[in-house]
C-alpha cells in the first residue's frame, strides 16, 4: 500500500506542474503518471472519465508532436511499465481506494 500512496502523491503533485509548461519532468515521470491514471481507470471504472480528464490536462497546451515523442521514448515506456508493475502487485481494492482518494484530494484543493 505504501508504493500506491507514493505514486498517487507523485501524480497529485505532477499534474498541476505538468499542466503549466512543456513537459517539465522527465519522460519516465510522465510515463509513471499516465500509467497510474490508466490503472486507476481500470480499477475504478465509474470514475474512468475523471482519470482520462487528468491525462488530458497533463498535456494541455503542449504540442501534440512533443507529447507523441515523449510517449515513444524508452524512458516513458520504462516508467509506464514500472508503475503498472508496482500497482498490479497491490490489491485492486487498495488501489481503487487510493485512486478515489486522489480524486477527492483534487476536490478539496479547489
PDB file of N, CA and C in Angstrom:
ATOM      1  N   UNK A   1       0.831  -1.197   0.000  1.00  0.00           N
ATOM      2  CA  UNK A   1       0.000   0.000   0.000  1.00  0.00           C
ATOM      3  C   UNK A   1       0.868   1.250   0.000  1.00  0.00           C
ATOM      4  N   UNK A   2       2.065   1.173   0.579  1.00  0.00           N
ATOM      5  CA  UNK A   2       2.947   2.331   0.645  1.00  0.00           C
ATOM      6  C   UNK A   2       3.320   2.824  -0.755  1.00  0.00           C
ATOM      7  N   UNK A   3       3.636   1.901  -1.662  1.00  0.00           N
ATOM      8  CA  UNK A   3       4.019   2.297  -3.016  1.00  0.00           C
ATOM      9  C   UNK A   3       2.868   2.992  -3.733  1.00  0.00           C
ATOM     10  N   UNK A   4       1.647   2.545  -3.493  1.00  0.00           N
ATOM     11  CA  UNK A   4       0.487   3.181  -4.117  1.00  0.00           C
ATOM     12  C   UNK A   4       0.388   4.628  -3.652  1.00  0.00           C
ATOM     13  N   UNK A   5       0.540   4.836  -2.376  1.00  0.00           N
ATOM     14  CA  UNK A   5       0.458   6.191  -1.839  1.00  0.00           C
ATOM     15  C   UNK A   5       1.538   7.081  -2.423  1.00  0.00           C
ATOM     16  N   UNK A   6       2.740   6.554  -2.529  1.00  0.00           N
ATOM     17  CA  UNK A   6       3.848   7.338  -3.083  1.00  0.00           C
ATOM     18  C   UNK A   6       3.566   7.712  -4.532  1.00  0.00           C
ATOM     19  N   UNK A   7       3.104   6.752  -5.316  1.00  0.00           N
ATOM     20  CA  UNK A   7       2.813   7.034  -6.722  1.00  0.00           C
ATOM     21  C   UNK A   7       1.687   8.050  -6.842  1.00  0.00           C
ATOM     22  N   UNK A   8       0.633   7.878  -6.061  1.00  0.00           N
ATOM     23  CA  UNK A   8      -0.505   8.794  -6.159  1.00  0.00           C
ATOM     24  C   UNK A   8      -0.163  10.196  -5.676  1.00  0.00           C
ATOM     25  N   UNK A   9       0.674  10.294  -4.661  1.00  0.00           N
ATOM     26  CA  UNK A   9       1.127  11.627  -4.229  1.00  0.00           C
ATOM     27  C   UNK A   9       1.938  12.264  -5.353  1.00  0.00           C
ATOM     28  N   UNK A  10       2.758  11.452  -5.996  1.00  0.00           N
ATOM     29  CA  UNK A  10       3.516  11.959  -7.134  1.00  0.00           C
ATOM     30  C   UNK A  10       2.612  12.451  -8.249  1.00  0.00           C
ATOM     31  N   UNK A  11       1.551  11.715  -8.504  1.00  0.00           N
ATOM     32  CA  UNK A  11       0.582  12.119  -9.521  1.00  0.00           C
ATOM     33  C   UNK A  11      -0.074  13.437  -9.125  1.00  0.00           C
ATOM     34  N   UNK A  12      -0.489  13.531  -7.881  1.00  0.00           N
ATOM     35  CA  UNK A  12      -1.161  14.747  -7.407  1.00  0.00           C
ATOM     36  C   UNK A  12      -0.248  15.965  -7.520  1.00  0.00           C
ATOM     37  N   UNK A  13       1.023  15.767  -7.277  1.00  0.00           N
ATOM     38  CA  UNK A  13       1.981  16.876  -7.376  1.00  0.00           C
ATOM     39  C   UNK A  13       2.297  17.185  -8.834  1.00  0.00           C
ATOM     40  N   UNK A  14       2.436  16.147  -9.640  1.00  0.00           N
ATOM     41  CA  UNK A  14       2.869  16.320 -11.021  1.00  0.00           C
ATOM     42  C   UNK A  14       1.811  16.937 -11.913  1.00  0.00           C
ATOM     43  N   UNK A  15       0.555  16.604 -11.717  1.00  0.00           N
ATOM     44  CA  UNK A  15      -0.486  17.069 -12.638  1.00  0.00           C
ATOM     45  C   UNK A  15      -0.521  18.588 -12.767  1.00  0.00           C
ATOM     46  N   UNK A  16      -0.590  19.332 -11.677  1.00  0.00           N
ATOM     47  CA  UNK A  16      -0.625  20.787 -11.853  1.00  0.00           C
ATOM     48  C   UNK A  16       0.641  21.333 -12.500  1.00  0.00           C
ATOM     49  N   UNK A  17       1.799  20.775 -12.162  1.00  0.00           N
ATOM     50  CA  UNK A  17       3.048  21.261 -12.730  1.00  0.00           C
ATOM     51  C   UNK A  17       3.162  20.910 -14.198  1.00  0.00           C
ATOM     52  N   UNK A  18       2.739  19.715 -14.568  1.00  0.00           N
ATOM     53  CA  UNK A  18       2.788  19.330 -15.963  1.00  0.00           C
ATOM     54  C   UNK A  18       1.866  20.200 -16.801  1.00  0.00           C
ATOM     55  N   UNK A  19       0.776  20.616 -16.232  1.00  0.00           N
ATOM     56  CA  UNK A  19      -0.195  21.413 -16.973  1.00  0.00           C
ATOM     57  C   UNK A  19       0.298  22.834 -17.215  1.00  0.00           C
ATOM     58  N   UNK A  20       1.322  23.266 -16.493  1.00  0.00           N
ATOM     59  CA  UNK A  20       1.784  24.640 -16.600  1.00  0.00           C
ATOM     60  C   UNK A  20       2.848  24.875 -17.662  1.00  0.00           C
ATOM     61  N   UNK A  21       3.501  23.847 -18.133  1.00  0.00           N
ATOM     62  CA  UNK A  21       4.610  24.053 -19.052  1.00  0.00           C
ATOM     63  C   UNK A  21       4.768  22.863 -19.971  1.00  0.00           C
ATOM     64  N   UNK A  22       5.751  22.998 -20.864  1.00  0.00           N
ATOM     65  CA  UNK A  22       6.073  21.914 -21.769  1.00  0.00           C
ATOM     66  C   UNK A  22       6.773  20.812 -20.999  1.00  0.00           C
ATOM     67  N   UNK A  23       6.105  19.730 -20.750  1.00  0.00           N
ATOM     68  CA  UNK A  23       6.647  18.557 -20.083  1.00  0.00           C
ATOM     69  C   UNK A  23       7.893  18.876 -19.240  1.00  0.00           C
ATOM     70  N   UNK A  24       7.698  19.507 -18.109  1.00  0.00           N
ATOM     71  CA  UNK A  24       8.836  19.931 -17.283  1.00  0.00           C
ATOM     72  C   UNK A  24       9.488  18.800 -16.500  1.00  0.00           C
ATOM     73  N   UNK A  25       8.951  17.589 -16.630  1.00  0.00           N
ATOM     74  CA  UNK A  25       9.522  16.439 -15.944  1.00  0.00           C
ATOM     75  C   UNK A  25      10.100  15.487 -16.968  1.00  0.00           C
ATOM     76  N   UNK A  26      10.908  14.588 -16.459  1.00  0.00           N
ATOM     77  CA  UNK A  26      11.479  13.563 -17.322  1.00  0.00           C
ATOM     78  C   UNK A  26      10.368  12.691 -17.897  1.00  0.00           C
ATOM     79  N   UNK A  27      10.654  12.109 -19.034  1.00  0.00           N
ATOM     80  CA  UNK A  27       9.673  11.233 -19.681  1.00  0.00           C
ATOM     81  C   UNK A  27       9.301  10.060 -18.792  1.00  0.00           C
ATOM     82  N   UNK A  28      10.232   9.602 -17.956  1.00  0.00           N
ATOM     83  CA  UNK A  28       9.918   8.474 -17.072  1.00  0.00           C
ATOM     84  C   UNK A  28       8.826   8.848 -16.069  1.00  0.00           C
ATOM     85  N   UNK A  29       8.863  10.069 -15.569  1.00  0.00           N
ATOM     86  CA  UNK A  29       7.834  10.537 -14.634  1.00  0.00           C
ATOM     87  C   UNK A  29       6.501  10.673 -15.360  1.00  0.00           C
ATOM     88  N   UNK A  30       6.537  11.195 -16.563  1.00  0.00           N
ATOM     89  CA  UNK A  30       5.329  11.310 -17.383  1.00  0.00           C
ATOM     90  C   UNK A  30       4.709   9.928 -17.596  1.00  0.00           C
ATOM     91  N   UNK A  31       5.539   8.933 -17.882  1.00  0.00           N
ATOM     92  CA  UNK A  31       5.050   7.569 -18.063  1.00  0.00           C
ATOM     93  C   UNK A  31       4.420   7.015 -16.798  1.00  0.00           C
ATOM     94  N   UNK A  32       5.044   7.277 -15.649  1.00  0.00           N
ATOM     95  CA  UNK A  32       4.504   6.790 -14.374  1.00  0.00           C
ATOM     96  C   UNK A  32       3.155   7.430 -14.070  1.00  0.00           C
ATOM     97  N   UNK A  33       3.053   8.716 -14.338  1.00  0.00           N
ATOM     98  CA  UNK A  33       1.799   9.429 -14.065  1.00  0.00           C
ATOM     99  C   UNK A  33       0.680   8.869 -14.946  1.00  0.00           C
ATOM    100  N   UNK A  34       0.954   8.746 -16.244  1.00  0.00           N
ATOM    101  CA  UNK A  34      -0.090   8.242 -17.134  1.00  0.00           C
ATOM    102  C   UNK A  34      -0.432   6.781 -16.828  1.00  0.00           C
ATOM    103  N   UNK A  35       0.559   5.995 -16.479  1.00  0.00           N
ATOM    104  CA  UNK A  35       0.303   4.606 -16.125  1.00  0.00           C
ATOM    105  C   UNK A  35      -0.596   4.519 -14.896  1.00  0.00           C
ATOM    106  N   UNK A  36      -0.312   5.342 -13.920  1.00  0.00           N
ATOM    107  CA  UNK A  36      -1.118   5.356 -12.695  1.00  0.00           C
ATOM    108  C   UNK A  36      -2.555   5.746 -13.011  1.00  0.00           C
ATOM    109  N   UNK A  37      -2.730   6.764 -13.823  1.00  0.00           N
ATOM    110  CA  UNK A  37      -4.081   7.188 -14.181  1.00  0.00           C
ATOM    111  C   UNK A  37      -4.809   6.113 -14.988  1.00  0.00           C
ATOM    112  N   UNK A  38      -4.094   5.437 -15.884  1.00  0.00           N
ATOM    113  CA  UNK A  38      -4.708   4.343 -16.644  1.00  0.00           C
ATOM    114  C   UNK A  38      -5.105   3.198 -15.715  1.00  0.00           C
ATOM    115  N   UNK A  39      -4.225   2.885 -14.770  1.00  0.00           N
ATOM    116  CA  UNK A  39      -4.517   1.803 -13.824  1.00  0.00           C
ATOM    117  C   UNK A  39      -5.731   2.171 -12.975  1.00  0.00           C
ATOM    118  N   UNK A  40      -5.785   3.422 -12.533  1.00  0.00           N
ATOM    119  CA  UNK A  40      -6.934   3.882 -11.747  1.00  0.00           C
ATOM    120  C   UNK A  40      -8.224   3.750 -12.559  1.00  0.00           C
ATOM    121  N   UNK A  41      -8.171   4.043 -13.836  1.00  0.00           N
ATOM    122  CA  UNK A  41      -9.349   3.895 -14.698  1.00  0.00           C
ATOM    123  C   UNK A  41      -9.833   2.459 -14.741  1.00  0.00           C
ATOM    124  N   UNK A  42      -8.891   1.516 -14.711  1.00  0.00           N
ATOM    125  CA  UNK A  42      -9.248   0.102 -14.774  1.00  0.00           C
ATOM    126  C   UNK A  42      -9.858  -0.395 -13.468  1.00  0.00           C
ATOM    127  N   UNK A  43      -9.329   0.063 -12.338  1.00  0.00           N
ATOM    128  CA  UNK A  43      -9.828  -0.443 -11.053  1.00  0.00           C
ATOM    129  C   UNK A  43     -11.006   0.366 -10.518  1.00  0.00           C
ATOM    130  N   UNK A  44     -11.263   1.529 -11.098  1.00  0.00           N
ATOM    131  CA  UNK A  44     -12.367   2.394 -10.682  1.00  0.00           C
ATOM    132  C   UNK A  44     -13.124   2.857 -11.931  1.00  0.00           C
ATOM    133  N   UNK A  45     -13.738   1.910 -12.660  1.00  0.00           N
ATOM    134  CA  UNK A  45     -14.397   2.245 -13.923  1.00  0.00           C
ATOM    135  C   UNK A  45     -15.431   3.378 -13.854  1.00  0.00           C
ATOM    136  N   UNK A  46     -16.211   3.506 -12.767  1.00  0.00           N
ATOM    137  CA  UNK A  46     -17.173   4.606 -12.745  1.00  0.00           C
ATOM    138  C   UNK A  46     -16.514   6.002 -12.816  1.00  0.00           C
ATOM    139  N   UNK A  47     -15.249   6.083 -12.433  1.00  0.00           N
ATOM    140  CA  UNK A  47     -14.543   7.370 -12.461  1.00  0.00           C
ATOM    141  C   UNK A  47     -13.559   7.464 -13.615  1.00  0.00           C
ATOM    142  N   UNK A  48     -13.615   6.533 -14.542  1.00  0.00           N
ATOM    143  CA  UNK A  48     -12.641   6.494 -15.647  1.00  0.00           C
ATOM    144  C   UNK A  48     -12.556   7.818 -16.393  1.00  0.00           C
ATOM    145  N   UNK A  49     -13.688   8.473 -16.600  1.00  0.00           N
ATOM    146  CA  UNK A  49     -13.665   9.744 -17.341  1.00  0.00           C
ATOM    147  C   UNK A  49     -12.896  10.822 -16.576  1.00  0.00           C
ATOM    148  N   UNK A  50     -12.928  10.755 -15.251  1.00  0.00           N
ATOM    149  CA  UNK A  50     -12.185  11.737 -14.447  1.00  0.00           C
ATOM    150  C   UNK A  50     -10.682  11.508 -14.556  1.00  0.00           C
ATOM    151  N   UNK A  51     -10.275  10.240 -14.596  1.00  0.00           N
ATOM    152  CA  UNK A  51      -8.853   9.947 -14.758  1.00  0.00           C
ATOM    153  C   UNK A  51      -8.404  10.321 -16.167  1.00  0.00           C
ATOM    154  N   UNK A  52      -9.264  10.092 -17.140  1.00  0.00           N
ATOM    155  CA  UNK A  52      -8.943  10.464 -18.519  1.00  0.00           C
ATOM    156  C   UNK A  52      -8.826  11.980 -18.643  1.00  0.00           C
ATOM    157  N   UNK A  53      -9.678  12.705 -17.936  1.00  0.00           N
ATOM    158  CA  UNK A  53      -9.599  14.169 -17.945  1.00  0.00           C
ATOM    159  C   UNK A  53      -8.263  14.641 -17.363  1.00  0.00           C
ATOM    160  N   UNK A  54      -7.779  13.946 -16.353  1.00  0.00           N
ATOM    161  CA  UNK A  54      -6.473  14.285 -15.778  1.00  0.00           C
ATOM    162  C   UNK A  54      -5.366  14.048 -16.798  1.00  0.00           C
ATOM    163  N   UNK A  55      -5.471  12.959 -17.555  1.00  0.00           N
ATOM    164  CA  UNK A  55      -4.471  12.693 -18.592  1.00  0.00           C
ATOM    165  C   UNK A  55      -4.495  13.800 -19.647  1.00  0.00           C
ATOM    166  N   UNK A  56      -5.677  14.236 -20.015  1.00  0.00           N
ATOM    167  CA  UNK A  56      -5.807  15.311 -20.993  1.00  0.00           C
ATOM    168  C   UNK A  56      -5.204  16.600 -20.449  1.00  0.00           C
ATOM    169  N   UNK A  57      -5.455  16.875 -19.166  1.00  0.00           N
ATOM    170  CA  UNK A  57      -4.915  18.085 -18.550  1.00  0.00           C
ATOM    171  C   UNK A  57      -3.389  18.066 -18.494  1.00  0.00           C
ATOM    172  N   UNK A  58      -2.816  16.884 -18.389  1.00  0.00           N
ATOM    173  CA  UNK A  58      -1.356  16.761 -18.341  1.00  0.00           C
ATOM    174  C   UNK A  58      -0.691  17.369 -19.558  1.00  0.00           C
ATOM    175  N   UNK A  59      -1.310  17.216 -20.697  1.00  0.00           N
ATOM    176  CA  UNK A  59      -0.673  17.634 -21.947  1.00  0.00           C
ATOM    177  C   UNK A  59      -1.339  18.860 -22.576  1.00  0.00           C
ATOM    178  N   UNK A  60      -2.219  19.478 -21.834  1.00  0.00           N
ATOM    179  CA  UNK A  60      -2.905  20.666 -22.347  1.00  0.00           C
ATOM    180  C   UNK A  60      -1.886  21.760 -22.673  1.00  0.00           C
ATOM    181  N   UNK A  61      -1.979  22.278 -23.873  1.00  0.00           N
ATOM    182  CA  UNK A  61      -1.091  23.352 -24.292  1.00  0.00           C
ATOM    183  C   UNK A  61       0.277  22.895 -24.776  1.00  0.00           C
ATOM    184  N   UNK A  62       0.509  21.596 -24.780  1.00  0.00           N
ATOM    185  CA  UNK A  62       1.787  21.064 -25.237  1.00  0.00           C
ATOM    186  C   UNK A  62       1.589  20.529 -26.651  1.00  0.00           C
ATOM    187  N   UNK A  63       2.495  20.870 -27.553  1.00  0.00           N
ATOM    188  CA  UNK A  63       2.325  20.390 -28.936  1.00  0.00           C
ATOM    189  C   UNK A  63       2.189  18.871 -29.002  1.00  0.00           C
ATOM    190  N   UNK A  64       1.245  18.433 -29.822  1.00  0.00           N
ATOM    191  CA  UNK A  64       0.955  17.003 -29.952  1.00  0.00           C
ATOM    192  C   UNK A  64       2.201  16.206 -30.342  1.00  0.00           C
ATOM    193  N   UNK A  65       3.026  16.789 -31.181  1.00  0.00           N
ATOM    194  CA  UNK A  65       4.246  16.107 -31.620  1.00  0.00           C
ATOM    195  C   UNK A  65       5.167  15.839 -30.430  1.00  0.00           C
ATOM    196  N   UNK A  66       5.305  16.810 -29.545  1.00  0.00           N
ATOM    197  CA  UNK A  66       6.159  16.639 -28.374  1.00  0.00           C
ATOM    198  C   UNK A  66       5.614  15.541 -27.447  1.00  0.00           C
ATOM    199  N   UNK A  67       4.310  15.521 -27.275  1.00  0.00           N
ATOM    200  CA  UNK A  67       3.680  14.500 -26.430  1.00  0.00           C
ATOM    201  C   UNK A  67       3.895  13.119 -27.046  1.00  0.00           C
ATOM    202  N   UNK A  68       3.691  13.009 -28.353  1.00  0.00           N
ATOM    203  CA  UNK A  68       3.868  11.726 -29.040  1.00  0.00           C
ATOM    204  C   UNK A  68       5.314  11.248 -28.924  1.00  0.00           C
ATOM    205  N   UNK A  69       6.255  12.159 -29.085  1.00  0.00           N
ATOM    206  CA  UNK A  69       7.670  11.790 -28.973  1.00  0.00           C
ATOM    207  C   UNK A  69       7.996  11.322 -27.559  1.00  0.00           C
ATOM    208  N   UNK A  70       7.450  12.000 -26.572  1.00  0.00           N
ATOM    209  CA  UNK A  70       7.690  11.604 -25.182  1.00  0.00           C
ATOM    210  C   UNK A  70       7.138  10.205 -24.933  1.00  0.00           C
ATOM    211  N   UNK A  71       5.933   9.944 -25.428  1.00  0.00           N
ATOM    212  CA  UNK A  71       5.304   8.637 -25.221  1.00  0.00           C
ATOM    213  C   UNK A  71       6.035   7.509 -25.957  1.00  0.00           C
ATOM    214  N   UNK A  72       6.757   7.841 -26.990  1.00  0.00           N
ATOM    215  CA  UNK A  72       7.508   6.830 -27.740  1.00  0.00           C
ATOM    216  C   UNK A  72       8.896   6.576 -27.148  1.00  0.00           C
ATOM    217  N   UNK A  73       9.310   7.400 -26.210  1.00  0.00           N
ATOM    218  CA  UNK A  73      10.665   7.255 -25.662  1.00  0.00           C
ATOM    219  C   UNK A  73      10.779   6.024 -24.760  1.00  0.00           C
ATOM    220  N   UNK A  74      11.978   5.495 -24.680  1.00  0.00           N
ATOM    221  CA  UNK A  74      12.244   4.350 -23.815  1.00  0.00           C
ATOM    222  C   UNK A  74      11.995   4.725 -22.359  1.00  0.00           C
ATOM    223  N   UNK A  75      12.362   5.938 -21.969  1.00  0.00           N
ATOM    224  CA  UNK A  75      12.180   6.373 -20.588  1.00  0.00           C
ATOM    225  C   UNK A  75      10.707   6.385 -20.198  1.00  0.00           C
ATOM    226  N   UNK A  76       9.855   6.887 -21.087  1.00  0.00           N
ATOM    227  CA  UNK A  76       8.410   6.898 -20.826  1.00  0.00           C
ATOM    228  C   UNK A  76       7.896   5.468 -20.671  1.00  0.00           C
ATOM    229  N   UNK A  77       8.251   4.618 -21.621  1.00  0.00           N
ATOM    230  CA  UNK A  77       7.764   3.235 -21.603  1.00  0.00           C
ATOM    231  C   UNK A  77       8.247   2.495 -20.362  1.00  0.00           C
ATOM    232  N   UNK A  78       9.503   2.715 -19.982  1.00  0.00           N
ATOM    233  CA  UNK A  78      10.029   2.078 -18.774  1.00  0.00           C
ATOM    234  C   UNK A  78       9.294   2.565 -17.533  1.00  0.00           C
ATOM    235  N   UNK A  79       9.074   3.885 -17.440  1.00  0.00           N
ATOM    236  CA  UNK A  79       8.337   4.444 -16.306  1.00  0.00           C
ATOM    237  C   UNK A  79       6.914   3.944 -16.258  1.00  0.00           C
ATOM    238  N   UNK A  80       6.280   3.868 -17.415  1.00  0.00           N
ATOM    239  CA  UNK A  80       4.901   3.390 -17.508  1.00  0.00           C
ATOM    240  C   UNK A  80       4.820   1.949 -17.008  1.00  0.00           C
ATOM    241  N   UNK A  81       5.727   1.113 -17.530  1.00  0.00           N
ATOM    242  CA  UNK A  81       5.730  -0.303 -17.150  1.00  0.00           C
ATOM    243  C   UNK A  81       6.063  -0.500 -15.674  1.00  0.00           C
ATOM    244  N   UNK A  82       6.977   0.313 -15.157  1.00  0.00           N
ATOM    245  CA  UNK A  82       7.361   0.198 -13.746  1.00  0.00           C
ATOM    246  C   UNK A  82       6.175   0.499 -12.830  1.00  0.00           C
ATOM    247  N   UNK A  83       5.469   1.585 -13.114  1.00  0.00           N
ATOM    248  CA  UNK A  83       4.313   1.947 -12.288  1.00  0.00           C
ATOM    249  C   UNK A  83       3.225   0.880 -12.394  1.00  0.00           C
ATOM    250  N   UNK A  84       2.982   0.400 -13.604  1.00  0.00           N
ATOM    251  CA  UNK A  84       1.970  -0.634 -13.811  1.00  0.00           C
ATOM    252  C   UNK A  84       2.319  -1.893 -13.031  1.00  0.00           C
ATOM    253  N   UNK A  85       3.580  -2.263 -13.068  1.00  0.00           N
ATOM    254  CA  UNK A  85       4.036  -3.453 -12.352  1.00  0.00           C
ATOM    255  C   UNK A  85       3.856  -3.299 -10.848  1.00  0.00           C
ATOM    256  N   UNK A  86       4.243  -2.151 -10.319  1.00  0.00           N
ATOM    257  CA  UNK A  86       4.109  -1.914  -8.880  1.00  0.00           C
ATOM    258  C   UNK A  86       2.647  -1.890  -8.448  1.00  0.00           C
ATOM    259  N   UNK A  87       1.818  -1.231  -9.222  1.00  0.00           N
ATOM    260  CA  UNK A  87       0.398  -1.150  -8.871  1.00  0.00           C
ATOM    261  C   UNK A  87      -0.289  -2.516  -8.961  1.00  0.00           C
ATOM    262  N   UNK A  88       0.129  -3.327  -9.912  1.00  0.00           N
ATOM    263  CA  UNK A  88      -0.511  -4.641 -10.074  1.00  0.00           C
ATOM    264  C   UNK A  88      -0.157  -5.601  -8.942  1.00  0.00           C
ATOM    265  N   UNK A  89       0.854  -5.282  -8.168  1.00  0.00           N
ATOM    266  CA  UNK A  89       1.232  -6.112  -7.016  1.00  0.00           C
ATOM    267  C   UNK A  89       0.299  -5.880  -5.826  1.00  0.00           C
ATOM    268  N   UNK A  90      -0.407  -4.776  -5.837  1.00  0.00           N
ATOM    269  CA  UNK A  90      -1.296  -4.411  -4.734  1.00  0.00           C
ATOM    270  C   UNK A  90      -2.700  -4.949  -4.995  1.00  0.00           C
ATOM    271  N   UNK A  91      -3.489  -5.037  -3.944  1.00  0.00           N
ATOM    272  CA  UNK A  91      -4.867  -5.492  -4.137  1.00  0.00           C
ATOM    273  C   UNK A  91      -5.647  -4.412  -4.888  1.00  0.00           C
ATOM    274  N   UNK A  92      -6.554  -4.848  -5.724  1.00  0.00           N
ATOM    275  CA  UNK A  92      -7.355  -3.897  -6.510  1.00  0.00           C
ATOM    276  C   UNK A  92      -8.179  -2.990  -5.597  1.00  0.00           C
ATOM    277  N   UNK A  93      -8.637  -3.516  -4.471  1.00  0.00           N
ATOM    278  CA  UNK A  93      -9.398  -2.698  -3.530  1.00  0.00           C
ATOM    279  C   UNK A  93      -8.539  -1.577  -2.952  1.00  0.00           C
ATOM    280  N   UNK A  94      -7.298  -1.912  -2.584  1.00  0.00           N
ATOM    281  CA  UNK A  94      -6.395  -0.888  -2.053  1.00  0.00           C
ATOM    282  C   UNK A  94      -6.090   0.177  -3.095  1.00  0.00           C
ATOM    283  N   UNK A  95      -5.825  -0.271  -4.328  1.00  0.00           N
ATOM    284  CA  UNK A  95      -5.526   0.677  -5.397  1.00  0.00           C
ATOM    285  C   UNK A  95      -6.744   1.550  -5.676  1.00  0.00           C
ATOM    286  N   UNK A  96      -7.928   0.942  -5.735  1.00  0.00           N
ATOM    287  CA  UNK A  96      -9.148   1.710  -6.004  1.00  0.00           C
ATOM    288  C   UNK A  96      -9.393   2.743  -4.914  1.00  0.00           C
ATOM    289  N   UNK A  97      -9.168   2.371  -3.669  1.00  0.00           N
ATOM    290  CA  UNK A  97      -9.346   3.323  -2.561  1.00  0.00           C
ATOM    291  C   UNK A  97      -8.378   4.488  -2.681  1.00  0.00           C
ATOM    292  N   UNK A  98      -7.138   4.180  -3.023  1.00  0.00           N
ATOM    293  CA  UNK A  98      -6.137   5.235  -3.163  1.00  0.00           C
ATOM    294  C   UNK A  98      -6.456   6.128  -4.347  1.00  0.00           C
ATOM    295  N   UNK A  99      -6.901   5.536  -5.443  1.00  0.00           N
ATOM    296  CA  UNK A  99      -7.268   6.324  -6.619  1.00  0.00           C
ATOM    297  C   UNK A  99      -8.442   7.259  -6.305  1.00  0.00           C
ATOM    298  N   UNK A 100      -9.443   6.720  -5.608  1.00  0.00           N
ATOM    299  CA  UNK A 100     -10.595   7.550  -5.237  1.00  0.00           C
ATOM    300  C   UNK A 100     -10.164   8.678  -4.312  1.00  0.00           C
ATOM    301  N   UNK A 101      -9.223   8.387  -3.424  1.00  0.00           N
ATOM    302  CA  UNK A 101      -8.714   9.425  -2.525  1.00  0.00           C
ATOM    303  C   UNK A 101      -8.000  10.512  -3.322  1.00  0.00           C
ATOM    304  N   UNK A 102      -7.323  10.121  -4.376  1.00  0.00           N
ATOM    305  CA  UNK A 102      -6.660  11.096  -5.242  1.00  0.00           C
ATOM    306  C   UNK A 102      -7.683  12.045  -5.857  1.00  0.00           C
ATOM    307  N   UNK A 103      -8.787  11.498  -6.326  1.00  0.00           N
ATOM    308  CA  UNK A 103      -9.839  12.356  -6.892  1.00  0.00           C
ATOM    309  C   UNK A 103     -10.440  13.255  -5.827  1.00  0.00           C
ATOM    310  N   UNK A 104     -10.621  12.722  -4.616  1.00  0.00           N
ATOM    311  CA  UNK A 104     -11.174  13.531  -3.514  1.00  0.00           C
ATOM    312  C   UNK A 104     -10.212  14.646  -3.118  1.00  0.00           C
ATOM    313  N   UNK A 105      -8.917  14.375  -3.150  1.00  0.00           N
ATOM    314  CA  UNK A 105      -7.945  15.413  -2.778  1.00  0.00           C
ATOM    315  C   UNK A 105      -7.976  16.548  -3.776  1.00  0.00           C
ATOM    316  N   UNK A 106      -8.275  16.247  -5.046  1.00  0.00           N
ATOM    317  CA  UNK A 106      -8.422  17.300  -6.047  1.00  0.00           C
ATOM    318  C   UNK A 106      -9.605  18.190  -5.722  1.00  0.00           C
ATOM    319  N   UNK A 107     -10.722  17.573  -5.301  1.00  0.00           N
ATOM    320  CA  UNK A 107     -11.906  18.358  -4.963  1.00  0.00           C
ATOM    321  C   UNK A 107     -11.630  19.255  -3.774  1.00  0.00           C
ATOM    322  N   UNK A 108     -10.898  18.734  -2.787  1.00  0.00           N
ATOM    323  CA  UNK A 108     -10.595  19.508  -1.592  1.00  0.00           C
ATOM    324  C   UNK A 108      -9.666  20.666  -1.891  1.00  0.00           C
ATOM    325  N   UNK A 109      -8.803  20.495  -2.920  1.00  0.00           N
ATOM    326  CA  UNK A 109      -7.843  21.533  -3.264  1.00  0.00           C
ATOM    327  C   UNK A 109      -8.432  22.651  -4.080  1.00  0.00           C
ATOM    328  N   UNK A 110      -9.638  22.488  -4.560  1.00  0.00           N
ATOM    329  CA  UNK A 110     -10.243  23.527  -5.412  1.00  0.00           C
ATOM    330  C   UNK A 110     -10.944  24.569  -4.596  1.00  0.00           C
TER     331      UNK A 110
END
